[in-house]
Amino acid sequence: MDKKMAEELESRAESMHISKSAYCKIVLQQWIDSKKKLNLGEK
């Protein structure tokens, strides 16, 4: 993960007063619930 993305995750988690791992868990659960395909790749 690049630095900009990590900082964005940290900022969003702080704004919700939760940990970064809790925020990531919320985001991943929303993705799973959406049933959308996840495309992984490196740039």
C-alpha atoms as a PDB file:
ATOM      1  CA  MET A   1       0.000   0.000   0.000  1.00  0.00           C
ATOM      2  CA  ASP A   2       1.385   3.380  -0.877  1.00  0.00           C
ATOM      3  CA  LYS A   3       1.878   6.133   1.690  1.00  0.00           C
ATOM      4  CA  LYS A   4      -0.956   8.317   0.382  1.00  0.00           C
ATOM      5  CA  MET A   5      -3.486   5.492   0.708  1.00  0.00           C
ATOM      6  CA  ALA A   6      -2.259   4.601   4.196  1.00  0.00           C
ATOM      7  CA  GLU A   7      -2.563   8.226   5.304  1.00  0.00           C
ATOM      8  CA  GLU A   8      -6.103   8.403   3.878  1.00  0.00           C
ATOM      9  CA  LEU A   9      -7.133   5.267   5.801  1.00  0.00           C
ATOM     10  CA  GLU A  10      -5.633   6.688   8.976  1.00  0.00           C
ATOM     11  CA  SER A  11      -7.394  10.022   8.480  1.00  0.00           C
ATOM     12  CA  ARG A  12     -10.789   8.408   7.860  1.00  0.00           C
ATOM     13  CA  ALA A  13     -10.416   6.099  10.861  1.00  0.00           C
ATOM     14  CA  GLU A  14      -9.459   9.018  13.113  1.00  0.00           C
ATOM     15  CA  SER A  15     -12.464  11.036  11.919  1.00  0.00           C
ATOM     16  CA  MET A  16     -14.711   8.157  13.019  1.00  0.00           C
ATOM     17  CA  HIS A  17     -12.790   7.734  16.310  1.00  0.00           C
ATOM     18  CA  ILE A  18     -11.975   4.093  15.549  1.00  0.00           C
ATOM     19  CA  SER A  19      -8.791   2.149  14.850  1.00  0.00           C
ATOM     20  CA  LYS A  20      -7.421   1.685  11.351  1.00  0.00           C
ATOM     21  CA  SER A  21      -8.098  -2.040  11.550  1.00  0.00           C
ATOM     22  CA  ALA A  22     -11.731  -1.427  12.575  1.00  0.00           C
ATOM     23  CA  TYR A  23     -12.153   0.991   9.654  1.00  0.00           C
ATOM     24  CA  CYS A  24     -10.646  -1.520   7.208  1.00  0.00           C
ATOM     25  CA  LYS A  25     -12.969  -4.214   8.562  1.00  0.00           C
ATOM     26  CA  ILE A  26     -15.985  -1.949   7.899  1.00  0.00           C
ATOM     27  CA  VAL A  27     -14.823  -1.179   4.348  1.00  0.00           C
ATOM     28  CA  LEU A  28     -14.141  -4.838   3.566  1.00  0.00           C
ATOM     29  CA  GLN A  29     -17.521  -5.902   4.954  1.00  0.00           C
ATOM     30  CA  GLN A  30     -19.268  -3.320   2.771  1.00  0.00           C
ATOM     31  CA  TRP A  31     -17.394  -4.663  -0.252  1.00  0.00           C
ATOM     32  CA  ILE A  32     -18.321  -8.274   0.602  1.00  0.00           C
ATOM     33  CA  ASP A  33     -21.957  -7.276   1.082  1.00  0.00           C
ATOM     34  CA  SER A  34     -21.973  -5.522  -2.309  1.00  0.00           C
ATOM     35  CA  LYS A  35     -20.986  -8.794  -4.058  1.00  0.00           C
ATOM     36  CA  LYS A  36     -18.769  -6.814  -6.452  1.00  0.00           C
ATOM     37  CA  LYS A  37     -15.655  -8.414  -7.921  1.00  0.00           C
ATOM     38  CA  LEU A  38     -12.344  -7.204  -6.520  1.00  0.00           C
ATOM     39  CA  ASN A  39      -9.510  -6.807  -9.027  1.00  0.00           C
ATOM     40  CA  LEU A  40      -6.064  -6.905  -7.453  1.00  0.00           C
ATOM     41  CA  GLY A  41      -3.039  -5.644  -9.297  1.00  0.00           C
ATOM     42  CA  GLU A  42       0.234  -3.861  -8.889  1.00  0.00           C
ATOM     43  CA  LYS A  43       1.110  -0.550 -10.443  1.00  0.00           C
END
